[in-house]
Amino acid sequence: MSEQKIIELIILLVSMAVILGVLIVWLKKIFRERREEVEERFLGQKIIQQHNFAHFYGRESIGHFQIRGNGILIMTANELYFLKALPKREIRVPLKSISKVSNPRSHLGKTNIAKLLRIDFIDEGKPDAIAWMVGAEVEEWTQAVEEARKAL
């Protein structure tokens, strides 16, 4: 390999590292802002469960072609609240509207090795469902949602 090719490769690798670094700093800033928004929104309220990097698998009523993404999932005594980081999107599911909690490995044709937290609920008189991957906390989330539903 010629010296010129080696220099070009080094420049390419350094450029990619800089771009990746800028992207990581920007994403950290976005997630920090979202956490601050959630903290402000729920100030003074009791948060039963919180996952700061829940992976959204979509809402059934929207269909198969929607963007998955990460965000903050919160459960209070009255609702499940999700703030998706990018694009910024807020989803609220009142606990009283939940009809079923389950742990499938796929949702809307998107499959994962890990179990998902799937919530079936009624929205404006129509059945709907939504799912998140919350990692190793899936059983804890499932139990907490079931207990909170029963307490209503």
C-alpha atoms as a PDB file:
ATOM      1  CA  MET A   1       0.000   0.000   0.000  1.00  0.00           C
ATOM      2  CA  SER A   2       1.389   3.373  -0.964  1.00  0.00           C
ATOM      3  CA  GLU A   3       2.121   6.131   1.508  1.00  0.00           C
ATOM      4  CA  GLN A   4      -0.589   8.287  -0.143  1.00  0.00           C
ATOM      5  CA  LYS A   5      -3.223   5.551   0.380  1.00  0.00           C
ATOM      6  CA  ILE A   6      -2.205   5.170   4.034  1.00  0.00           C
ATOM      7  CA  ILE A   7      -2.572   8.927   4.596  1.00  0.00           C
ATOM      8  CA  GLU A   8      -5.992   8.912   2.897  1.00  0.00           C
ATOM      9  CA  LEU A   9      -7.108   5.984   5.071  1.00  0.00           C
ATOM     10  CA  ILE A  10      -5.917   7.742   8.236  1.00  0.00           C
ATOM     11  CA  ILE A  11      -7.750  10.942   7.235  1.00  0.00           C
ATOM     12  CA  LEU A  12     -10.919   8.924   6.554  1.00  0.00           C
ATOM     13  CA  LEU A  13     -10.718   7.110   9.900  1.00  0.00           C
ATOM     14  CA  VAL A  14     -10.073  10.326  11.854  1.00  0.00           C
ATOM     15  CA  SER A  15     -12.971  12.050  10.051  1.00  0.00           C
ATOM     16  CA  MET A  16     -15.303   9.159  10.874  1.00  0.00           C
ATOM     17  CA  ALA A  17     -14.188   9.225  14.526  1.00  0.00           C
ATOM     18  CA  VAL A  18     -14.862  12.986  14.750  1.00  0.00           C
ATOM     19  CA  ILE A  19     -18.315  12.605  13.174  1.00  0.00           C
ATOM     20  CA  LEU A  20     -19.146   9.723  15.524  1.00  0.00           C
ATOM     21  CA  GLY A  21     -17.959  11.749  18.514  1.00  0.00           C
ATOM     22  CA  VAL A  22     -20.118  14.738  17.539  1.00  0.00           C
ATOM     23  CA  LEU A  23     -23.115  12.424  17.063  1.00  0.00           C
ATOM     24  CA  ILE A  24     -22.632  10.832  20.485  1.00  0.00           C
ATOM     25  CA  VAL A  25     -22.329  14.233  22.204  1.00  0.00           C
ATOM     26  CA  TRP A  26     -25.487  15.444  20.415  1.00  0.00           C
ATOM     27  CA  LEU A  27     -27.484  12.314  21.373  1.00  0.00           C
ATOM     28  CA  LYS A  28     -26.381  12.595  25.005  1.00  0.00           C
ATOM     29  CA  LYS A  29     -27.553  16.205  25.000  1.00  0.00           C
ATOM     30  CA  ILE A  30     -30.959  15.202  23.568  1.00  0.00           C
ATOM     31  CA  PHE A  31     -31.453  12.478  26.184  1.00  0.00           C
ATOM     32  CA  ARG A  32     -30.374  14.809  28.994  1.00  0.00           C
ATOM     33  CA  GLU A  33     -32.938  17.371  27.802  1.00  0.00           C
ATOM     34  CA  ARG A  34     -35.665  14.701  27.656  1.00  0.00           C
ATOM     35  CA  ARG A  35     -34.845  13.518  31.192  1.00  0.00           C
ATOM     36  CA  GLU A  36     -35.037  17.125  32.424  1.00  0.00           C
ATOM     37  CA  GLU A  37     -38.420  17.553  30.707  1.00  0.00           C
ATOM     38  CA  VAL A  38     -39.732  14.400  32.372  1.00  0.00           C
ATOM     39  CA  GLU A  39     -38.379  15.439  35.781  1.00  0.00           C
ATOM     40  CA  GLU A  40     -40.118  18.803  35.445  1.00  0.00           C
ATOM     41  CA  ARG A  41     -43.373  17.258  34.200  1.00  0.00           C
ATOM     42  CA  PHE A  42     -43.566  14.773  37.094  1.00  0.00           C
ATOM     43  CA  LEU A  43     -42.223  17.063  39.808  1.00  0.00           C
ATOM     44  CA  GLY A  44     -44.015  16.254  43.052  1.00  0.00           C
ATOM     45  CA  GLN A  45     -45.656  13.107  41.666  1.00  0.00           C
ATOM     46  CA  LYS A  46     -44.779   9.608  42.773  1.00  0.00           C
ATOM     47  CA  ILE A  47     -43.084   7.662  39.988  1.00  0.00           C
ATOM     48  CA  ILE A  48     -43.610   3.919  40.440  1.00  0.00           C
ATOM     49  CA  GLN A  49     -41.366   2.765  37.583  1.00  0.00           C
ATOM     50  CA  GLN A  50     -38.950   4.570  35.287  1.00  0.00           C
ATOM     51  CA  HIS A  51     -36.806   3.363  32.404  1.00  0.00           C
ATOM     52  CA  ASN A  52     -34.533   6.000  30.856  1.00  0.00           C
ATOM     53  CA  PHE A  53     -33.755   4.082  27.663  1.00  0.00           C
ATOM     54  CA  ALA A  54     -36.899   2.124  26.765  1.00  0.00           C
ATOM     55  CA  HIS A  55     -36.997   0.994  23.146  1.00  0.00           C
ATOM     56  CA  PHE A  56     -40.355   1.795  21.515  1.00  0.00           C
ATOM     57  CA  TYR A  57     -41.701  -0.920  19.197  1.00  0.00           C
ATOM     58  CA  GLY A  58     -44.676   1.008  17.892  1.00  0.00           C
ATOM     59  CA  ARG A  59     -48.369   1.552  18.342  1.00  0.00           C
ATOM     60  CA  GLU A  60     -50.682  -0.954  16.700  1.00  0.00           C
ATOM     61  CA  SER A  61     -53.228   1.625  15.497  1.00  0.00           C
ATOM     62  CA  ILE A  62     -50.540   3.388  13.456  1.00  0.00           C
ATOM     63  CA  GLY A  63     -49.481   0.193  11.686  1.00  0.00           C
ATOM     64  CA  HIS A  64     -46.285  -1.527  10.657  1.00  0.00           C
ATOM     65  CA  PHE A  65     -44.545   1.448   9.079  1.00  0.00           C
ATOM     66  CA  GLN A  66     -43.493   3.631  11.971  1.00  0.00           C
ATOM     67  CA  ILE A  67     -40.142   4.546  13.386  1.00  0.00           C
ATOM     68  CA  ARG A  68     -38.950   2.699  16.448  1.00  0.00           C
ATOM     69  CA  GLY A  69     -36.902   4.687  18.893  1.00  0.00           C
ATOM     70  CA  ASN A  70     -35.670   5.137  22.414  1.00  0.00           C
ATOM     71  CA  GLY A  71     -37.042   7.310  25.132  1.00  0.00           C
ATOM     72  CA  ILE A  72     -38.113   7.545  28.739  1.00  0.00           C
ATOM     73  CA  LEU A  73     -40.922   5.344  30.036  1.00  0.00           C
ATOM     74  CA  ILE A  74     -42.618   6.367  33.288  1.00  0.00           C
ATOM     75  CA  MET A  75     -45.381   4.747  35.296  1.00  0.00           C
ATOM     76  CA  THR A  76     -47.320   6.676  37.900  1.00  0.00           C
ATOM     77  CA  ALA A  77     -50.354   5.533  39.863  1.00  0.00           C
ATOM     78  CA  ASN A  78     -52.565   6.731  36.994  1.00  0.00           C
ATOM     79  CA  GLU A  79     -50.722   6.379  33.704  1.00  0.00           C
ATOM     80  CA  LEU A  80     -47.930   5.085  31.545  1.00  0.00           C
ATOM     81  CA  TYR A  81     -46.070   7.956  29.959  1.00  0.00           C
ATOM     82  CA  PHE A  82     -43.465   7.708  27.216  1.00  0.00           C
ATOM     83  CA  LEU A  83     -41.358  10.542  25.843  1.00  0.00           C
ATOM     84  CA  LYS A  84     -39.592   9.424  22.680  1.00  0.00           C
ATOM     85  CA  ALA A  85     -36.274  11.161  22.199  1.00  0.00           C
ATOM     86  CA  LEU A  86     -36.127  11.450  18.405  1.00  0.00           C
ATOM     87  CA  PRO A  87     -38.338  12.547  16.895  1.00  0.00           C
ATOM     88  CA  LYS A  88     -39.766  13.978  20.077  1.00  0.00           C
ATOM     89  CA  ARG A  89     -43.137  12.365  20.711  1.00  0.00           C
ATOM     90  CA  GLU A  90     -45.262  11.976  23.819  1.00  0.00           C
ATOM     91  CA  ILE A  91     -47.536   8.989  24.475  1.00  0.00           C
ATOM     92  CA  ARG A  92     -49.875   8.669  27.452  1.00  0.00           C
ATOM     93  CA  VAL A  93     -51.849   5.561  28.370  1.00  0.00           C
ATOM     94  CA  PRO A  94     -54.167   5.850  31.376  1.00  0.00           C
ATOM     95  CA  LEU A  95     -53.847   2.725  33.545  1.00  0.00           C
ATOM     96  CA  LYS A  96     -57.645   2.458  33.736  1.00  0.00           C
ATOM     97  CA  SER A  97     -57.750   1.967  29.942  1.00  0.00           C
ATOM     98  CA  ILE A  98     -55.370  -1.028  29.982  1.00  0.00           C
ATOM     99  CA  SER A  99     -57.071  -4.333  29.206  1.00  0.00           C
ATOM    100  CA  LYS A 100     -54.054  -6.652  29.093  1.00  0.00           C
ATOM    101  CA  VAL A 101     -50.328  -6.769  29.843  1.00  0.00           C
ATOM    102  CA  SER A 102     -48.175  -9.363  28.105  1.00  0.00           C
ATOM    103  CA  ASN A 103     -44.574 -10.186  27.211  1.00  0.00           C
ATOM    104  CA  PRO A 104     -44.314 -11.293  23.583  1.00  0.00           C
ATOM    105  CA  ARG A 105     -41.040 -11.402  21.685  1.00  0.00           C
ATOM    106  CA  SER A 106     -42.428  -9.496  18.693  1.00  0.00           C
ATOM    107  CA  HIS A 107     -44.738  -6.592  17.990  1.00  0.00           C
ATOM    108  CA  LEU A 108     -45.901  -5.269  14.619  1.00  0.00           C
ATOM    109  CA  GLY A 109     -43.618  -7.695  12.802  1.00  0.00           C
ATOM    110  CA  LYS A 110     -40.537  -6.555  14.708  1.00  0.00           C
ATOM    111  CA  THR A 111     -38.948  -9.449  16.575  1.00  0.00           C
ATOM    112  CA  ASN A 112     -36.458  -9.486  19.408  1.00  0.00           C
ATOM    113  CA  ILE A 113     -34.752 -12.155  21.486  1.00  0.00           C
ATOM    114  CA  ALA A 114     -35.807 -10.371  24.680  1.00  0.00           C
ATOM    115  CA  LYS A 115     -39.385 -10.224  25.915  1.00  0.00           C
ATOM    116  CA  LEU A 116     -41.259  -6.981  25.362  1.00  0.00           C
ATOM    117  CA  LEU A 117     -43.643  -5.093  27.596  1.00  0.00           C
ATOM    118  CA  ARG A 118     -46.862  -5.043  25.553  1.00  0.00           C
ATOM    119  CA  ILE A 119     -49.826  -3.023  26.747  1.00  0.00           C
ATOM    120  CA  ASP A 120     -53.271  -3.580  25.222  1.00  0.00           C
ATOM    121  CA  PHE A 121     -55.637  -0.714  25.967  1.00  0.00           C
ATOM    122  CA  ILE A 122     -58.751   1.106  24.822  1.00  0.00           C
ATOM    123  CA  ASP A 123     -58.233   4.507  23.195  1.00  0.00           C
ATOM    124  CA  GLU A 124     -61.296   6.568  22.316  1.00  0.00           C
ATOM    125  CA  GLY A 125     -63.436   3.428  22.382  1.00  0.00           C
ATOM    126  CA  LYS A 126     -61.127   1.426  20.097  1.00  0.00           C
ATOM    127  CA  PRO A 127     -58.661  -1.327  21.014  1.00  0.00           C
ATOM    128  CA  ASP A 128     -54.990  -0.506  20.584  1.00  0.00           C
ATOM    129  CA  ALA A 129     -51.631  -1.873  21.743  1.00  0.00           C
ATOM    130  CA  ILE A 130     -48.151  -0.570  22.274  1.00  0.00           C
ATOM    131  CA  ALA A 131     -44.867  -2.259  23.173  1.00  0.00           C
ATOM    132  CA  TRP A 132     -41.449  -1.417  24.561  1.00  0.00           C
ATOM    133  CA  MET A 133     -38.277  -3.324  25.239  1.00  0.00           C
ATOM    134  CA  VAL A 134     -37.224  -2.597  28.804  1.00  0.00           C
ATOM    135  CA  GLY A 135     -34.526  -5.263  29.006  1.00  0.00           C
ATOM    136  CA  ALA A 136     -34.078  -7.298  32.163  1.00  0.00           C
ATOM    137  CA  GLU A 137     -36.744  -5.230  33.924  1.00  0.00           C
ATOM    138  CA  VAL A 138     -39.603  -6.634  31.814  1.00  0.00           C
ATOM    139  CA  GLU A 139     -41.000  -8.889  34.572  1.00  0.00           C
ATOM    140  CA  GLU A 140     -40.742  -6.065  37.116  1.00  0.00           C
ATOM    141  CA  TRP A 141     -42.593  -3.691  34.761  1.00  0.00           C
ATOM    142  CA  THR A 142     -45.258  -6.286  33.978  1.00  0.00           C
ATOM    143  CA  GLN A 143     -45.921  -6.944  37.653  1.00  0.00           C
ATOM    144  CA  ALA A 144     -45.945  -3.224  38.515  1.00  0.00           C
ATOM    145  CA  VAL A 145     -48.461  -2.408  35.764  1.00  0.00           C
ATOM    146  CA  GLU A 146     -50.716  -5.305  36.809  1.00  0.00           C
ATOM    147  CA  GLU A 147     -50.590  -4.253  40.471  1.00  0.00           C
ATOM    148  CA  ALA A 148     -51.297  -0.612  39.642  1.00  0.00           C
ATOM    149  CA  ARG A 149     -54.274  -1.613  37.444  1.00  0.00           C
ATOM    150  CA  LYS A 150     -55.732  -3.695  40.269  1.00  0.00           C
ATOM    151  CA  ALA A 151     -55.321  -0.788  42.703  1.00  0.00           C
ATOM    152  CA  LEU A 152     -57.568   1.477  40.598  1.00  0.00           C
END
